[in-house]
Amino acid sequence: MKYLVRLICGVVLSGTLISAAIAAEGTVISSLNTDAYTYVEIFRNNQNAWIVGPVVAVKPGNQVKFEEGAIMKNFYSQQLLRTFPEVMFVGEITVAAEK
């Protein structure tokens, strides 16, 4: 019985740690909208990066939160007629704080 309780607690705690590890945030530098997506240039980990998610209203200086997703290199957007060296596709972008 003790073994089962320890096993369940371990699974719950490891799931919490994994989900906390993939949560991320950054500061908005710029954004571009298409019909279905918002491309957000953010500053995080001392560098600029692009994330792409469902349409959201953001402005420079906003702090945004998201869960890390799939990364694509040399991604070409047909709607924006632009190639991004690297983008991360995320399920949702949430404005955490406004500036």
N, C-alpha and C. Protein backbone atom coordinates (compact mmCIF):
# COMPACT_ATOMS: atom_id res chain seq x y z
N MET A 1 0.83 -1.20 0.00
CA MET A 1 0.00 0.00 0.00
C MET A 1 0.87 1.26 0.00
N LYS A 2 1.93 1.26 0.86
CA LYS A 2 2.82 2.42 0.88
C LYS A 2 3.47 2.63 -0.48
N TYR A 3 3.83 1.54 -1.13
CA TYR A 3 4.45 1.61 -2.45
C TYR A 3 3.51 2.27 -3.46
N LEU A 4 2.25 1.90 -3.41
CA LEU A 4 1.26 2.46 -4.33
C LEU A 4 1.08 3.95 -4.10
N VAL A 5 1.02 4.38 -2.84
CA VAL A 5 0.86 5.80 -2.51
C VAL A 5 2.08 6.58 -3.01
N ARG A 6 3.28 6.04 -2.79
CA ARG A 6 4.50 6.71 -3.25
C ARG A 6 4.53 6.80 -4.77
N LEU A 7 4.11 5.74 -5.42
CA LEU A 7 4.08 5.73 -6.88
C LEU A 7 3.13 6.80 -7.42
N ILE A 8 1.95 6.89 -6.85
CA ILE A 8 0.96 7.89 -7.29
C ILE A 8 1.49 9.30 -7.03
N CYS A 9 2.06 9.53 -5.86
CA CYS A 9 2.62 10.86 -5.55
C CYS A 9 3.75 11.22 -6.51
N GLY A 10 4.58 10.25 -6.84
CA GLY A 10 5.68 10.48 -7.77
C GLY A 10 5.18 10.85 -9.16
N VAL A 11 4.16 10.16 -9.62
CA VAL A 11 3.59 10.44 -10.93
C VAL A 11 2.98 11.84 -10.96
N VAL A 12 2.24 12.20 -9.92
CA VAL A 12 1.61 13.53 -9.85
C VAL A 12 2.68 14.62 -9.81
N LEU A 13 3.70 14.45 -8.98
CA LEU A 13 4.75 15.45 -8.89
C LEU A 13 5.54 15.58 -10.18
N SER A 14 5.86 14.48 -10.83
CA SER A 14 6.62 14.56 -12.07
C SER A 14 5.79 15.21 -13.17
N GLY A 15 4.51 14.97 -13.21
CA GLY A 15 3.64 15.63 -14.18
C GLY A 15 3.60 17.12 -13.97
N THR A 16 3.60 17.55 -12.71
CA THR A 16 3.62 18.98 -12.38
C THR A 16 4.93 19.60 -12.83
N LEU A 17 6.03 18.92 -12.59
CA LEU A 17 7.33 19.45 -12.98
C LEU A 17 7.47 19.54 -14.49
N ILE A 18 6.96 18.55 -15.21
CA ILE A 18 7.04 18.57 -16.66
C ILE A 18 6.22 19.72 -17.22
N SER A 19 5.00 19.92 -16.73
CA SER A 19 4.17 21.00 -17.26
C SER A 19 4.76 22.36 -16.90
N ALA A 20 5.40 22.47 -15.74
CA ALA A 20 6.03 23.74 -15.37
C ALA A 20 7.25 24.01 -16.25
N ALA A 21 7.91 22.96 -16.68
CA ALA A 21 9.11 23.12 -17.49
C ALA A 21 8.79 23.62 -18.89
N ILE A 22 7.61 23.34 -19.41
CA ILE A 22 7.31 23.76 -20.77
C ILE A 22 6.57 25.10 -20.82
N ALA A 23 6.17 25.64 -19.68
CA ALA A 23 5.55 26.95 -19.65
C ALA A 23 6.65 27.99 -19.85
N ALA A 24 6.38 29.00 -20.68
CA ALA A 24 7.39 30.01 -20.98
C ALA A 24 6.75 31.38 -21.05
N GLU A 25 7.59 32.39 -21.06
CA GLU A 25 7.09 33.75 -21.22
C GLU A 25 8.16 34.61 -21.87
N GLY A 26 7.73 35.76 -22.35
CA GLY A 26 8.65 36.69 -22.99
C GLY A 26 8.01 38.06 -23.11
N THR A 27 8.80 39.03 -23.50
CA THR A 27 8.33 40.40 -23.68
C THR A 27 8.15 40.67 -25.17
N VAL A 28 7.00 41.20 -25.54
CA VAL A 28 6.68 41.46 -26.95
C VAL A 28 7.54 42.59 -27.49
N ILE A 29 8.17 42.31 -28.62
CA ILE A 29 8.93 43.33 -29.35
C ILE A 29 8.07 43.85 -30.49
N SER A 30 7.46 42.93 -31.26
CA SER A 30 6.60 43.31 -32.38
C SER A 30 5.65 42.16 -32.66
N SER A 31 4.65 42.42 -33.51
CA SER A 31 3.71 41.35 -33.88
C SER A 31 3.18 41.60 -35.29
N LEU A 32 2.77 40.51 -35.94
CA LEU A 32 2.18 40.55 -37.27
C LEU A 32 0.95 39.65 -37.26
N ASN A 33 -0.16 40.12 -37.80
CA ASN A 33 -1.38 39.31 -37.84
C ASN A 33 -1.69 38.84 -39.25
N THR A 34 -2.21 37.61 -39.32
CA THR A 34 -2.80 37.09 -40.54
C THR A 34 -4.26 36.81 -40.20
N ASP A 35 -4.99 36.19 -41.12
CA ASP A 35 -6.40 35.89 -40.84
C ASP A 35 -6.56 34.95 -39.65
N ALA A 36 -5.66 34.00 -39.51
CA ALA A 36 -5.82 32.96 -38.48
C ALA A 36 -4.77 32.96 -37.39
N TYR A 37 -3.64 33.66 -37.61
CA TYR A 37 -2.53 33.57 -36.67
C TYR A 37 -1.96 34.93 -36.32
N THR A 38 -1.31 34.99 -35.16
CA THR A 38 -0.51 36.14 -34.78
C THR A 38 0.93 35.67 -34.62
N TYR A 39 1.83 36.34 -35.31
CA TYR A 39 3.26 36.08 -35.20
C TYR A 39 3.78 37.12 -34.20
N VAL A 40 4.39 36.66 -33.12
CA VAL A 40 4.85 37.56 -32.08
C VAL A 40 6.36 37.41 -31.92
N GLU A 41 7.06 38.52 -32.10
CA GLU A 41 8.50 38.54 -31.82
C GLU A 41 8.66 38.87 -30.35
N ILE A 42 9.33 38.00 -29.63
CA ILE A 42 9.50 38.20 -28.19
C ILE A 42 10.97 38.22 -27.84
N PHE A 43 11.25 38.77 -26.67
CA PHE A 43 12.59 38.74 -26.10
C PHE A 43 12.54 37.84 -24.89
N ARG A 44 13.34 36.77 -24.93
CA ARG A 44 13.43 35.85 -23.79
C ARG A 44 14.78 35.16 -23.83
N ASN A 45 15.26 34.79 -22.67
CA ASN A 45 16.57 34.14 -22.57
C ASN A 45 17.66 34.96 -23.27
N ASN A 46 17.59 36.28 -23.13
CA ASN A 46 18.57 37.20 -23.71
C ASN A 46 18.67 37.14 -25.23
N GLN A 47 17.59 36.77 -25.90
CA GLN A 47 17.59 36.77 -27.36
C GLN A 47 16.17 36.96 -27.89
N ASN A 48 16.08 37.34 -29.16
CA ASN A 48 14.79 37.49 -29.81
C ASN A 48 14.35 36.15 -30.38
N ALA A 49 13.05 35.90 -30.38
CA ALA A 49 12.48 34.67 -30.94
C ALA A 49 11.09 34.99 -31.46
N TRP A 50 10.61 34.16 -32.40
CA TRP A 50 9.26 34.31 -32.94
C TRP A 50 8.40 33.15 -32.46
N ILE A 51 7.19 33.48 -31.97
CA ILE A 51 6.19 32.46 -31.65
C ILE A 51 4.97 32.74 -32.51
N VAL A 52 4.23 31.70 -32.84
CA VAL A 52 3.03 31.83 -33.69
C VAL A 52 1.90 31.09 -33.00
N GLY A 53 0.76 31.77 -32.85
CA GLY A 53 -0.40 31.15 -32.23
C GLY A 53 -1.67 31.75 -32.79
N PRO A 54 -2.81 31.34 -32.24
CA PRO A 54 -4.09 31.91 -32.67
C PRO A 54 -4.09 33.43 -32.50
N VAL A 55 -4.92 34.11 -33.27
CA VAL A 55 -4.97 35.57 -33.24
C VAL A 55 -5.16 36.08 -31.82
N VAL A 56 -4.31 37.04 -31.45
CA VAL A 56 -4.36 37.66 -30.13
C VAL A 56 -3.90 39.11 -30.28
N ALA A 57 -4.47 39.99 -29.47
CA ALA A 57 -4.07 41.40 -29.50
C ALA A 57 -2.92 41.59 -28.52
N VAL A 58 -1.76 41.96 -29.06
CA VAL A 58 -0.59 42.25 -28.23
C VAL A 58 0.05 43.53 -28.73
N LYS A 59 0.82 44.15 -27.87
CA LYS A 59 1.55 45.33 -28.29
C LYS A 59 2.94 45.30 -27.64
N PRO A 60 3.88 46.03 -28.24
CA PRO A 60 5.23 46.03 -27.69
C PRO A 60 5.23 46.38 -26.21
N GLY A 61 6.03 45.62 -25.47
CA GLY A 61 6.12 45.82 -24.03
C GLY A 61 5.27 44.86 -23.23
N ASN A 62 4.23 44.27 -23.86
CA ASN A 62 3.40 43.28 -23.16
C ASN A 62 4.26 42.09 -22.75
N GLN A 63 3.94 41.54 -21.61
CA GLN A 63 4.53 40.28 -21.17
C GLN A 63 3.54 39.19 -21.59
N VAL A 64 4.01 38.17 -22.32
CA VAL A 64 3.12 37.11 -22.77
C VAL A 64 3.58 35.77 -22.21
N LYS A 65 2.60 34.87 -22.03
CA LYS A 65 2.87 33.52 -21.57
C LYS A 65 2.37 32.54 -22.62
N PHE A 66 3.04 31.39 -22.71
CA PHE A 66 2.67 30.36 -23.67
C PHE A 66 3.33 29.06 -23.25
N GLU A 67 2.84 27.97 -23.80
CA GLU A 67 3.49 26.69 -23.59
C GLU A 67 4.30 26.38 -24.84
N GLU A 68 5.53 25.96 -24.64
CA GLU A 68 6.41 25.71 -25.77
C GLU A 68 5.82 24.65 -26.69
N GLY A 69 6.02 24.85 -27.99
CA GLY A 69 5.46 23.94 -28.99
C GLY A 69 6.49 23.54 -30.02
N ALA A 70 6.00 23.19 -31.18
CA ALA A 70 6.86 22.70 -32.27
C ALA A 70 7.65 23.85 -32.89
N ILE A 71 8.92 23.60 -33.13
CA ILE A 71 9.80 24.60 -33.74
C ILE A 71 10.02 24.22 -35.20
N MET A 72 9.89 25.23 -36.07
CA MET A 72 10.17 25.03 -37.49
C MET A 72 11.24 26.02 -37.91
N LYS A 73 12.23 25.54 -38.62
CA LYS A 73 13.31 26.39 -39.12
C LYS A 73 13.02 26.77 -40.57
N ASN A 74 13.44 27.97 -40.94
CA ASN A 74 13.24 28.50 -42.30
C ASN A 74 11.79 28.37 -42.73
N PHE A 75 10.89 28.84 -41.87
CA PHE A 75 9.46 28.75 -42.14
C PHE A 75 9.02 29.90 -43.04
N TYR A 76 8.38 29.57 -44.15
CA TYR A 76 7.88 30.58 -45.08
C TYR A 76 6.38 30.76 -44.88
N SER A 77 5.97 31.99 -44.59
CA SER A 77 4.56 32.33 -44.45
C SER A 77 4.06 32.86 -45.79
N GLN A 78 3.11 32.14 -46.39
CA GLN A 78 2.56 32.58 -47.68
C GLN A 78 1.75 33.86 -47.53
N GLN A 79 1.07 34.02 -46.39
CA GLN A 79 0.27 35.23 -46.21
C GLN A 79 1.15 36.46 -45.97
N LEU A 80 2.25 36.28 -45.27
CA LEU A 80 3.13 37.41 -44.98
C LEU A 80 4.24 37.58 -46.03
N LEU A 81 4.37 36.58 -46.92
CA LEU A 81 5.42 36.59 -47.94
C LEU A 81 6.79 36.83 -47.30
N ARG A 82 7.05 36.02 -46.27
CA ARG A 82 8.27 36.21 -45.49
C ARG A 82 8.76 34.87 -44.96
N THR A 83 10.07 34.73 -44.92
CA THR A 83 10.68 33.54 -44.34
C THR A 83 11.23 33.90 -42.96
N PHE A 84 10.85 33.12 -41.97
CA PHE A 84 11.35 33.30 -40.61
C PHE A 84 12.45 32.27 -40.36
N PRO A 85 13.60 32.67 -39.86
CA PRO A 85 14.67 31.71 -39.61
C PRO A 85 14.23 30.57 -38.69
N GLU A 86 13.40 30.92 -37.69
CA GLU A 86 12.89 29.90 -36.76
C GLU A 86 11.63 30.45 -36.09
N VAL A 87 10.59 29.63 -36.05
CA VAL A 87 9.36 29.99 -35.33
C VAL A 87 8.94 28.82 -34.46
N MET A 88 8.27 29.16 -33.37
CA MET A 88 7.70 28.14 -32.50
C MET A 88 6.18 28.27 -32.56
N PHE A 89 5.51 27.20 -32.96
CA PHE A 89 4.05 27.19 -33.00
C PHE A 89 3.53 26.80 -31.63
N VAL A 90 2.63 27.63 -31.09
CA VAL A 90 2.08 27.40 -29.76
C VAL A 90 0.56 27.38 -29.84
N GLY A 91 -0.06 26.72 -28.89
CA GLY A 91 -1.52 26.59 -28.88
C GLY A 91 -2.25 27.83 -28.45
N GLU A 92 -1.60 28.66 -27.64
CA GLU A 92 -2.25 29.87 -27.12
C GLU A 92 -1.18 30.85 -26.65
N ILE A 93 -1.45 32.13 -26.85
CA ILE A 93 -0.58 33.19 -26.35
C ILE A 93 -1.46 34.05 -25.45
N THR A 94 -1.03 34.20 -24.20
CA THR A 94 -1.81 34.95 -23.22
C THR A 94 -1.03 36.19 -22.79
N VAL A 95 -1.69 37.34 -22.78
CA VAL A 95 -1.04 38.57 -22.28
C VAL A 95 -1.08 38.51 -20.76
N ALA A 96 0.12 38.50 -20.17
CA ALA A 96 0.23 38.39 -18.70
C ALA A 96 0.22 39.76 -18.04
N ALA A 97 0.83 40.75 -18.69
CA ALA A 97 0.88 42.09 -18.13
C ALA A 97 1.00 43.10 -19.26
N GLU A 98 0.35 44.22 -19.09
CA GLU A 98 0.43 45.27 -20.10
C GLU A 98 1.36 46.36 -19.61
N LYS A 99 2.04 46.98 -20.55
CA LYS A 99 2.96 48.05 -20.22
C LYS A 99 2.40 49.36 -20.71
